[in-house]
Amino acid sequence: MTTTVLLFHPHLDQSRVNKALAGALDDDIEVRDMYKLYPDFKIDVATEQKVLTDSDRIVIQFPMYWYSSPALLKQWEDDVYEHGWAYGSDGDKLHGKELIIAVSPGANNYGRQGFAQYTIHELLRPFQATSRLIGTKFIKPFITIGASSITDDALQQRATEYNEYLHQDSLPILNDFE
């Protein structure tokens, strides 16, 4: 199985969590630093579509910013998921592939009683809806809660778990409205 991680972090050199997660991955997993590739937001659509076509498991990794994703990720989605390629009557190029969101929200308390009053899964719902539209299997996200306060030991453990998670032969699909 070919796994590709699309890493969307605008300041990866200053990142503690996303850098550790990506750095723990074995060499058989390709990690693409999207902000390094596209600092001007001018995305090479053909290249990105080929990367996706060549991958069985697509991982979109990013820190959560304001309950959402970094700006380049949205631009990338708008450009790469073209009608007739990713969706629409002839848009079947991603059908059956696995899509995993690997997100690292800074806070610890997401849920009805927390300050955000929404769960992480609710905040990730647009990615799940997009997955449905483009025909990918939406795999249970890999979530590193409390990224801003995680201890070094806990981060090292989480990075090991990330590598192990992405190497599993079979991963749980997140069903509708879980």
N, C-alpha and C. Protein backbone atom coordinates (compact mmCIF):
# COMPACT_ATOMS: atom_id res chain seq x y z
N MET A 1 0.85 -1.18 0.00
CA MET A 1 0.00 0.00 0.00
C MET A 1 0.89 1.24 0.00
N THR A 2 0.60 2.16 -0.89
CA THR A 2 1.35 3.41 -0.99
C THR A 2 0.65 4.48 -0.16
N THR A 3 1.39 5.05 0.78
CA THR A 3 0.84 6.08 1.66
C THR A 3 1.60 7.38 1.44
N THR A 4 0.85 8.46 1.26
CA THR A 4 1.44 9.78 1.09
C THR A 4 0.83 10.73 2.12
N VAL A 5 1.70 11.45 2.82
CA VAL A 5 1.26 12.46 3.79
C VAL A 5 1.45 13.83 3.16
N LEU A 6 0.36 14.57 3.06
CA LEU A 6 0.39 15.96 2.60
C LEU A 6 0.36 16.82 3.85
N LEU A 7 1.49 17.40 4.18
CA LEU A 7 1.66 18.14 5.43
C LEU A 7 1.49 19.63 5.18
N PHE A 8 0.43 20.18 5.76
CA PHE A 8 0.10 21.60 5.59
C PHE A 8 0.36 22.34 6.90
N HIS A 9 1.57 22.85 7.06
CA HIS A 9 1.90 23.65 8.24
C HIS A 9 2.71 24.85 7.76
N PRO A 10 2.19 26.07 7.94
CA PRO A 10 2.86 27.25 7.40
C PRO A 10 4.20 27.57 8.05
N HIS A 11 4.45 27.02 9.23
CA HIS A 11 5.71 27.28 9.94
C HIS A 11 6.25 25.97 10.51
N LEU A 12 6.47 25.01 9.64
CA LEU A 12 6.89 23.69 10.09
C LEU A 12 8.20 23.74 10.87
N ASP A 13 9.09 24.63 10.50
CA ASP A 13 10.37 24.74 11.21
C ASP A 13 10.17 25.13 12.68
N GLN A 14 9.07 25.80 12.99
CA GLN A 14 8.77 26.21 14.36
C GLN A 14 7.81 25.25 15.06
N SER A 15 7.34 24.27 14.33
CA SER A 15 6.37 23.33 14.87
C SER A 15 7.05 22.32 15.79
N ARG A 16 6.39 22.00 16.83
CA ARG A 16 6.87 20.94 17.70
C ARG A 16 6.12 19.65 17.39
N VAL A 17 4.80 19.73 17.32
CA VAL A 17 3.97 18.55 17.17
C VAL A 17 3.99 18.00 15.74
N ASN A 18 3.65 18.82 14.77
CA ASN A 18 3.59 18.32 13.39
C ASN A 18 4.95 17.87 12.88
N LYS A 19 6.00 18.55 13.30
CA LYS A 19 7.35 18.15 12.90
C LYS A 19 7.69 16.79 13.51
N ALA A 20 7.33 16.58 14.77
CA ALA A 20 7.59 15.30 15.43
C ALA A 20 6.79 14.17 14.80
N LEU A 21 5.52 14.43 14.51
CA LEU A 21 4.68 13.39 13.89
C LEU A 21 5.25 12.98 12.54
N ALA A 22 5.53 13.95 11.70
CA ALA A 22 6.07 13.65 10.36
C ALA A 22 7.45 13.01 10.46
N GLY A 23 8.25 13.47 11.40
CA GLY A 23 9.60 12.95 11.55
C GLY A 23 9.66 11.52 12.03
N ALA A 24 8.60 11.04 12.63
CA ALA A 24 8.56 9.67 13.14
C ALA A 24 8.17 8.64 12.09
N LEU A 25 7.77 9.11 10.92
CA LEU A 25 7.29 8.19 9.89
C LEU A 25 8.45 7.47 9.21
N ASP A 26 8.23 6.20 8.93
CA ASP A 26 9.23 5.40 8.23
C ASP A 26 9.42 5.91 6.81
N ASP A 27 10.54 5.55 6.20
CA ASP A 27 10.88 6.03 4.86
C ASP A 27 9.94 5.55 3.76
N ASP A 28 9.15 4.51 4.03
CA ASP A 28 8.22 4.02 3.00
C ASP A 28 7.00 4.92 2.84
N ILE A 29 6.86 5.91 3.71
CA ILE A 29 5.77 6.88 3.62
C ILE A 29 6.34 8.19 3.12
N GLU A 30 5.79 8.66 2.00
CA GLU A 30 6.24 9.95 1.46
C GLU A 30 5.57 11.08 2.22
N VAL A 31 6.37 12.03 2.68
CA VAL A 31 5.85 13.22 3.36
C VAL A 31 6.14 14.42 2.47
N ARG A 32 5.09 15.13 2.09
CA ARG A 32 5.22 16.31 1.23
C ARG A 32 4.92 17.57 2.05
N ASP A 33 5.91 18.41 2.23
CA ASP A 33 5.77 19.67 2.94
C ASP A 33 5.15 20.67 1.97
N MET A 34 3.85 20.84 2.05
CA MET A 34 3.11 21.60 1.05
C MET A 34 3.44 23.09 1.06
N TYR A 35 3.71 23.66 2.22
CA TYR A 35 4.09 25.08 2.26
C TYR A 35 5.48 25.30 1.69
N LYS A 36 6.34 24.32 1.79
CA LYS A 36 7.66 24.42 1.17
C LYS A 36 7.53 24.30 -0.35
N LEU A 37 6.65 23.42 -0.80
CA LEU A 37 6.44 23.23 -2.24
C LEU A 37 5.72 24.41 -2.88
N TYR A 38 4.78 25.02 -2.15
CA TYR A 38 3.94 26.06 -2.72
C TYR A 38 3.87 27.30 -1.82
N PRO A 39 4.99 27.96 -1.56
CA PRO A 39 4.96 29.13 -0.68
C PRO A 39 4.16 30.30 -1.26
N ASP A 40 4.00 30.29 -2.58
CA ASP A 40 3.24 31.35 -3.27
C ASP A 40 1.79 30.95 -3.53
N PHE A 41 1.39 29.76 -3.05
CA PHE A 41 0.03 29.23 -3.22
C PHE A 41 -0.29 28.90 -4.68
N LYS A 42 0.69 28.85 -5.55
CA LYS A 42 0.48 28.47 -6.95
C LYS A 42 0.73 26.98 -7.07
N ILE A 43 -0.34 26.24 -7.00
CA ILE A 43 -0.28 24.79 -6.91
C ILE A 43 -0.17 24.16 -8.29
N ASP A 44 0.73 23.23 -8.44
CA ASP A 44 0.89 22.47 -9.68
C ASP A 44 -0.16 21.36 -9.65
N VAL A 45 -1.29 21.63 -10.23
CA VAL A 45 -2.44 20.73 -10.15
C VAL A 45 -2.13 19.36 -10.74
N ALA A 46 -1.49 19.32 -11.89
CA ALA A 46 -1.18 18.04 -12.54
C ALA A 46 -0.28 17.18 -11.65
N THR A 47 0.71 17.79 -11.04
CA THR A 47 1.60 17.05 -10.14
C THR A 47 0.84 16.52 -8.94
N GLU A 48 0.03 17.36 -8.34
CA GLU A 48 -0.73 16.94 -7.15
C GLU A 48 -1.73 15.84 -7.49
N GLN A 49 -2.38 15.94 -8.63
CA GLN A 49 -3.31 14.89 -9.03
C GLN A 49 -2.59 13.58 -9.27
N LYS A 50 -1.39 13.62 -9.83
CA LYS A 50 -0.60 12.40 -10.03
C LYS A 50 -0.20 11.79 -8.69
N VAL A 51 0.20 12.63 -7.74
CA VAL A 51 0.54 12.14 -6.40
C VAL A 51 -0.65 11.40 -5.81
N LEU A 52 -1.83 11.98 -5.92
CA LEU A 52 -3.03 11.35 -5.38
C LEU A 52 -3.37 10.06 -6.12
N THR A 53 -3.26 10.10 -7.43
CA THR A 53 -3.56 8.91 -8.24
C THR A 53 -2.63 7.76 -7.87
N ASP A 54 -1.37 8.08 -7.59
CA ASP A 54 -0.36 7.06 -7.28
C ASP A 54 -0.43 6.56 -5.84
N SER A 55 -1.28 7.15 -5.02
CA SER A 55 -1.36 6.79 -3.60
C SER A 55 -2.62 5.97 -3.33
N ASP A 56 -2.47 4.98 -2.46
CA ASP A 56 -3.62 4.20 -2.00
C ASP A 56 -4.24 4.84 -0.76
N ARG A 57 -3.35 5.39 0.07
CA ARG A 57 -3.77 6.00 1.33
C ARG A 57 -3.25 7.44 1.34
N ILE A 58 -4.17 8.39 1.40
CA ILE A 58 -3.84 9.82 1.38
C ILE A 58 -4.06 10.37 2.78
N VAL A 59 -3.02 10.97 3.34
CA VAL A 59 -3.11 11.55 4.68
C VAL A 59 -2.95 13.06 4.55
N ILE A 60 -3.90 13.78 5.10
CA ILE A 60 -3.81 15.24 5.14
C ILE A 60 -3.54 15.63 6.59
N GLN A 61 -2.33 16.12 6.83
CA GLN A 61 -1.88 16.45 8.19
C GLN A 61 -1.77 17.96 8.33
N PHE A 62 -2.32 18.47 9.44
CA PHE A 62 -2.26 19.92 9.67
C PHE A 62 -2.58 20.26 11.12
N PRO A 63 -2.12 21.43 11.58
CA PRO A 63 -2.55 21.94 12.87
C PRO A 63 -3.92 22.60 12.70
N MET A 64 -4.76 22.49 13.70
CA MET A 64 -6.06 23.15 13.62
C MET A 64 -5.90 24.63 13.94
N TYR A 65 -6.36 25.47 13.03
CA TYR A 65 -6.33 26.92 13.20
C TYR A 65 -7.76 27.45 13.19
N TRP A 66 -8.16 28.10 14.25
CA TRP A 66 -9.48 28.70 14.32
C TRP A 66 -10.57 27.72 13.87
N TYR A 67 -10.50 26.51 14.43
CA TYR A 67 -11.48 25.45 14.17
C TYR A 67 -11.48 24.99 12.72
N SER A 68 -10.40 25.20 12.03
CA SER A 68 -10.33 24.87 10.62
C SER A 68 -8.90 24.50 10.25
N SER A 69 -8.60 24.61 8.98
CA SER A 69 -7.29 24.22 8.46
C SER A 69 -6.51 25.44 7.97
N PRO A 70 -5.20 25.29 7.80
CA PRO A 70 -4.41 26.37 7.23
C PRO A 70 -4.89 26.73 5.81
N ALA A 71 -4.67 27.96 5.42
CA ALA A 71 -5.19 28.49 4.16
C ALA A 71 -4.74 27.71 2.93
N LEU A 72 -3.51 27.25 2.91
CA LEU A 72 -3.02 26.54 1.73
C LEU A 72 -3.79 25.24 1.49
N LEU A 73 -4.22 24.60 2.55
CA LEU A 73 -4.99 23.37 2.39
C LEU A 73 -6.30 23.65 1.67
N LYS A 74 -6.98 24.71 2.03
CA LYS A 74 -8.23 25.07 1.34
C LYS A 74 -7.96 25.40 -0.12
N GLN A 75 -6.90 26.14 -0.39
CA GLN A 75 -6.54 26.47 -1.77
C GLN A 75 -6.22 25.20 -2.55
N TRP A 76 -5.49 24.30 -1.93
CA TRP A 76 -5.12 23.03 -2.56
C TRP A 76 -6.38 22.23 -2.92
N GLU A 77 -7.31 22.13 -1.98
CA GLU A 77 -8.57 21.42 -2.26
C GLU A 77 -9.30 22.06 -3.43
N ASP A 78 -9.43 23.38 -3.41
CA ASP A 78 -10.14 24.09 -4.48
C ASP A 78 -9.50 23.83 -5.84
N ASP A 79 -8.19 23.79 -5.90
CA ASP A 79 -7.48 23.62 -7.17
C ASP A 79 -7.40 22.17 -7.63
N VAL A 80 -7.08 21.26 -6.72
CA VAL A 80 -6.77 19.88 -7.09
C VAL A 80 -8.01 19.02 -7.28
N TYR A 81 -9.01 19.19 -6.46
CA TYR A 81 -10.24 18.39 -6.57
C TYR A 81 -11.14 18.96 -7.67
N GLU A 82 -10.68 18.87 -8.89
CA GLU A 82 -11.40 19.45 -10.03
C GLU A 82 -12.63 18.63 -10.41
N HIS A 83 -13.67 19.34 -10.83
CA HIS A 83 -14.85 18.70 -11.40
C HIS A 83 -14.43 17.93 -12.64
N GLY A 84 -14.92 16.72 -12.77
CA GLY A 84 -14.53 15.89 -13.90
C GLY A 84 -13.29 15.06 -13.63
N TRP A 85 -12.58 15.39 -12.56
CA TRP A 85 -11.42 14.60 -12.16
C TRP A 85 -11.70 13.94 -10.80
N ALA A 86 -12.04 14.75 -9.80
CA ALA A 86 -12.28 14.22 -8.46
C ALA A 86 -13.76 13.98 -8.17
N TYR A 87 -14.63 14.67 -8.85
CA TYR A 87 -16.07 14.50 -8.63
C TYR A 87 -16.81 14.86 -9.90
N GLY A 88 -18.11 14.62 -9.89
CA GLY A 88 -18.92 14.82 -11.09
C GLY A 88 -19.10 13.50 -11.82
N SER A 89 -19.82 13.52 -12.92
CA SER A 89 -20.15 12.26 -13.60
C SER A 89 -18.91 11.49 -14.06
N ASP A 90 -17.84 12.16 -14.42
CA ASP A 90 -16.61 11.48 -14.83
C ASP A 90 -15.50 11.61 -13.79
N GLY A 91 -15.78 12.18 -12.66
CA GLY A 91 -14.75 12.43 -11.65
C GLY A 91 -14.58 11.29 -10.68
N ASP A 92 -13.87 10.27 -11.11
CA ASP A 92 -13.75 9.06 -10.31
C ASP A 92 -12.30 8.69 -9.96
N LYS A 93 -11.39 9.60 -10.13
CA LYS A 93 -9.96 9.26 -9.99
C LYS A 93 -9.56 8.89 -8.57
N LEU A 94 -10.32 9.30 -7.58
CA LEU A 94 -9.97 9.02 -6.19
C LEU A 94 -10.87 7.96 -5.55
N HIS A 95 -11.81 7.45 -6.32
CA HIS A 95 -12.76 6.49 -5.77
C HIS A 95 -12.05 5.28 -5.16
N GLY A 96 -12.45 4.94 -3.95
CA GLY A 96 -11.92 3.77 -3.27
C GLY A 96 -10.64 4.00 -2.49
N LYS A 97 -10.00 5.12 -2.68
CA LYS A 97 -8.77 5.40 -1.93
C LYS A 97 -9.12 5.77 -0.49
N GLU A 98 -8.17 5.59 0.41
CA GLU A 98 -8.39 5.95 1.80
C GLU A 98 -7.94 7.39 2.03
N LEU A 99 -8.73 8.13 2.80
CA LEU A 99 -8.39 9.50 3.17
C LEU A 99 -8.38 9.60 4.69
N ILE A 100 -7.24 10.03 5.22
CA ILE A 100 -7.08 10.19 6.66
C ILE A 100 -6.75 11.64 6.97
N ILE A 101 -7.43 12.19 7.94
CA ILE A 101 -7.09 13.51 8.45
C ILE A 101 -6.27 13.31 9.72
N ALA A 102 -5.09 13.92 9.75
CA ALA A 102 -4.23 13.89 10.94
C ALA A 102 -4.14 15.33 11.44
N VAL A 103 -4.85 15.61 12.50
CA VAL A 103 -4.99 16.99 12.95
C VAL A 103 -4.50 17.14 14.38
N SER A 104 -3.98 18.32 14.67
CA SER A 104 -3.45 18.59 16.01
C SER A 104 -4.01 19.90 16.55
N PRO A 105 -5.20 19.84 17.18
CA PRO A 105 -5.73 21.04 17.81
C PRO A 105 -4.94 21.37 19.07
N GLY A 106 -4.75 22.65 19.32
CA GLY A 106 -3.94 23.07 20.45
C GLY A 106 -4.59 22.84 21.81
N ALA A 107 -5.89 22.97 21.88
CA ALA A 107 -6.59 22.87 23.17
C ALA A 107 -6.89 21.41 23.52
N ASN A 108 -7.24 21.21 24.78
CA ASN A 108 -7.56 19.87 25.28
C ASN A 108 -9.05 19.57 25.34
N ASN A 109 -9.87 20.59 25.41
CA ASN A 109 -11.26 20.39 25.76
C ASN A 109 -12.20 20.70 24.59
N TYR A 110 -12.44 19.68 23.77
CA TYR A 110 -13.41 19.82 22.69
C TYR A 110 -14.59 18.92 23.00
N GLY A 111 -15.76 19.47 22.95
CA GLY A 111 -16.97 18.71 23.25
C GLY A 111 -18.06 19.68 23.64
N ARG A 112 -19.22 19.14 23.91
CA ARG A 112 -20.39 19.96 24.23
C ARG A 112 -20.16 20.84 25.45
N GLN A 113 -19.43 20.33 26.43
CA GLN A 113 -19.21 21.07 27.67
C GLN A 113 -17.95 21.93 27.63
N GLY A 114 -17.14 21.80 26.59
CA GLY A 114 -15.90 22.55 26.49
C GLY A 114 -16.12 23.96 25.98
N PHE A 115 -15.06 24.70 25.89
CA PHE A 115 -15.17 26.10 25.46
C PHE A 115 -15.63 26.22 24.01
N ALA A 116 -15.29 25.26 23.16
CA ALA A 116 -15.68 25.32 21.75
C ALA A 116 -17.12 24.88 21.53
N GLN A 117 -17.62 24.01 22.40
CA GLN A 117 -18.96 23.45 22.36
C GLN A 117 -19.23 22.59 21.14
N TYR A 118 -18.17 22.18 20.46
CA TYR A 118 -18.27 21.24 19.35
C TYR A 118 -17.19 20.19 19.52
N THR A 119 -17.49 18.99 19.07
CA THR A 119 -16.47 17.93 19.11
C THR A 119 -15.51 18.11 17.94
N ILE A 120 -14.37 17.48 18.03
CA ILE A 120 -13.41 17.52 16.92
C ILE A 120 -14.04 16.92 15.67
N HIS A 121 -14.77 15.83 15.84
CA HIS A 121 -15.39 15.20 14.66
C HIS A 121 -16.39 16.14 13.99
N GLU A 122 -17.10 16.93 14.76
CA GLU A 122 -18.00 17.92 14.15
C GLU A 122 -17.22 18.98 13.40
N LEU A 123 -16.11 19.41 13.96
CA LEU A 123 -15.30 20.43 13.29
C LEU A 123 -14.64 19.88 12.02
N LEU A 124 -14.45 18.57 11.95
CA LEU A 124 -13.86 17.94 10.76
C LEU A 124 -14.90 17.52 9.73
N ARG A 125 -16.15 17.77 10.01
CA ARG A 125 -17.24 17.35 9.12
C ARG A 125 -17.06 17.81 7.67
N PRO A 126 -16.56 19.02 7.37
CA PRO A 126 -16.36 19.39 5.97
C PRO A 126 -15.40 18.44 5.23
N PHE A 127 -14.41 17.91 5.93
CA PHE A 127 -13.49 16.96 5.30
C PHE A 127 -14.20 15.64 5.01
N GLN A 128 -15.08 15.25 5.92
CA GLN A 128 -15.86 14.03 5.71
C GLN A 128 -16.82 14.20 4.53
N ALA A 129 -17.46 15.36 4.43
CA ALA A 129 -18.36 15.63 3.31
C ALA A 129 -17.59 15.64 1.99
N THR A 130 -16.41 16.23 1.99
CA THR A 130 -15.58 16.24 0.79
C THR A 130 -15.18 14.83 0.40
N SER A 131 -14.82 14.03 1.39
CA SER A 131 -14.45 12.64 1.13
C SER A 131 -15.59 11.89 0.44
N ARG A 132 -16.78 12.11 0.92
CA ARG A 132 -17.95 11.47 0.30
C ARG A 132 -18.11 11.92 -1.15
N LEU A 133 -17.94 13.21 -1.39
CA LEU A 133 -18.10 13.76 -2.74
C LEU A 133 -17.07 13.19 -3.71
N ILE A 134 -15.82 13.04 -3.25
CA ILE A 134 -14.76 12.57 -4.14
C ILE A 134 -14.60 11.05 -4.14
N GLY A 135 -15.42 10.36 -3.35
CA GLY A 135 -15.46 8.90 -3.40
C GLY A 135 -14.38 8.18 -2.62
N THR A 136 -13.74 8.86 -1.67
CA THR A 136 -12.73 8.19 -0.85
C THR A 136 -13.38 7.60 0.39
N LYS A 137 -12.67 6.65 0.99
CA LYS A 137 -13.09 6.09 2.27
C LYS A 137 -12.55 7.00 3.36
N PHE A 138 -13.43 7.57 4.15
CA PHE A 138 -13.01 8.50 5.20
C PHE A 138 -12.62 7.69 6.43
N ILE A 139 -11.33 7.56 6.63
CA ILE A 139 -10.80 6.76 7.73
C ILE A 139 -10.86 7.58 9.03
N LYS A 140 -11.02 6.88 10.13
CA LYS A 140 -11.06 7.55 11.43
C LYS A 140 -9.83 8.45 11.56
N PRO A 141 -10.03 9.74 11.83
CA PRO A 141 -8.91 10.68 11.90
C PRO A 141 -7.93 10.34 13.02
N PHE A 142 -6.69 10.73 12.81
CA PHE A 142 -5.66 10.62 13.83
C PHE A 142 -5.56 12.00 14.49
N ILE A 143 -6.01 12.09 15.72
CA ILE A 143 -6.14 13.38 16.39
C ILE A 143 -5.17 13.46 17.57
N THR A 144 -4.36 14.49 17.57
CA THR A 144 -3.46 14.74 18.68
C THR A 144 -3.99 15.96 19.44
N ILE A 145 -4.83 15.68 20.41
CA ILE A 145 -5.48 16.72 21.21
C ILE A 145 -4.45 17.39 22.13
N GLY A 146 -4.64 18.66 22.38
CA GLY A 146 -3.80 19.37 23.34
C GLY A 146 -2.38 19.60 22.86
N ALA A 147 -2.24 19.86 21.58
CA ALA A 147 -0.91 20.01 20.99
C ALA A 147 -0.09 21.11 21.65
N SER A 148 -0.73 22.13 22.14
CA SER A 148 0.02 23.25 22.72
C SER A 148 0.59 22.94 24.09
N SER A 149 0.11 21.87 24.73
CA SER A 149 0.60 21.56 26.07
C SER A 149 1.08 20.12 26.22
N ILE A 150 1.21 19.39 25.14
CA ILE A 150 1.62 17.99 25.22
C ILE A 150 3.07 17.90 25.72
N THR A 151 3.31 16.95 26.60
CA THR A 151 4.67 16.77 27.13
C THR A 151 5.56 16.11 26.09
N ASP A 152 6.85 16.21 26.28
CA ASP A 152 7.79 15.59 25.35
C ASP A 152 7.58 14.08 25.27
N ASP A 153 7.40 13.44 26.42
CA ASP A 153 7.19 11.99 26.44
C ASP A 153 5.89 11.61 25.73
N ALA A 154 4.83 12.35 26.00
CA ALA A 154 3.54 12.07 25.36
C ALA A 154 3.63 12.31 23.86
N LEU A 155 4.36 13.33 23.44
CA LEU A 155 4.52 13.60 22.02
C LEU A 155 5.31 12.49 21.34
N GLN A 156 6.36 12.02 21.98
CA GLN A 156 7.14 10.92 21.41
C GLN A 156 6.26 9.68 21.26
N GLN A 157 5.45 9.40 22.27
CA GLN A 157 4.54 8.26 22.21
C GLN A 157 3.51 8.45 21.09
N ARG A 158 2.99 9.64 20.98
CA ARG A 158 1.98 9.93 19.94
C ARG A 158 2.58 9.80 18.55
N ALA A 159 3.81 10.24 18.37
CA ALA A 159 4.48 10.13 17.08
C ALA A 159 4.69 8.66 16.70
N THR A 160 5.05 7.84 17.67
CA THR A 160 5.20 6.40 17.43
C THR A 160 3.86 5.80 17.03
N GLU A 161 2.80 6.20 17.72
CA GLU A 161 1.45 5.71 17.40
C GLU A 161 1.02 6.13 16.00
N TYR A 162 1.41 7.32 15.59
CA TYR A 162 1.08 7.81 14.24
C TYR A 162 1.71 6.92 13.19
N ASN A 163 2.98 6.64 13.34
CA ASN A 163 3.67 5.76 12.39
C ASN A 163 3.01 4.39 12.35
N GLU A 164 2.70 3.84 13.51
CA GLU A 164 2.04 2.54 13.58
C GLU A 164 0.65 2.59 12.94
N TYR A 165 -0.09 3.64 13.19
CA TYR A 165 -1.44 3.79 12.64
C TYR A 165 -1.40 3.78 11.11
N LEU A 166 -0.48 4.54 10.55
CA LEU A 166 -0.41 4.63 9.09
C LEU A 166 0.11 3.35 8.44
N HIS A 167 0.71 2.47 9.22
CA HIS A 167 1.20 1.20 8.68
C HIS A 167 0.21 0.05 8.85
N GLN A 168 -0.90 0.29 9.50
CA GLN A 168 -1.89 -0.78 9.66
C GLN A 168 -2.48 -1.15 8.31
N ASP A 169 -2.69 -2.44 8.11
CA ASP A 169 -3.26 -2.91 6.85
C ASP A 169 -4.72 -2.48 6.71
N SER A 170 -5.43 -2.50 7.81
CA SER A 170 -6.85 -2.17 7.77
C SER A 170 -7.14 -1.13 8.85
N LEU A 171 -7.71 -0.02 8.43
CA LEU A 171 -8.04 1.07 9.36
C LEU A 171 -9.55 1.27 9.40
N PRO A 172 -10.08 1.72 10.54
CA PRO A 172 -11.53 1.89 10.67
C PRO A 172 -12.05 3.06 9.84
N ILE A 173 -13.09 2.77 9.10
CA ILE A 173 -13.77 3.82 8.33
C ILE A 173 -14.73 4.53 9.28
N LEU A 174 -14.72 5.85 9.23
CA LEU A 174 -15.63 6.63 10.06
C LEU A 174 -16.99 6.66 9.36
N ASN A 175 -17.97 6.05 9.99
CA ASN A 175 -19.30 6.00 9.39
C ASN A 175 -19.99 7.34 9.49
N ASP A 176 -21.11 7.44 8.83
CA ASP A 176 -21.88 8.68 8.81
C ASP A 176 -22.19 9.17 10.23
N PHE A 177 -21.89 10.41 10.47
CA PHE A 177 -22.28 11.13 11.68
C PHE A 177 -21.82 10.48 12.97
N GLU A 178 -20.64 9.85 12.93
CA GLU A 178 -20.05 9.33 14.17
C GLU A 178 -19.40 10.45 14.92
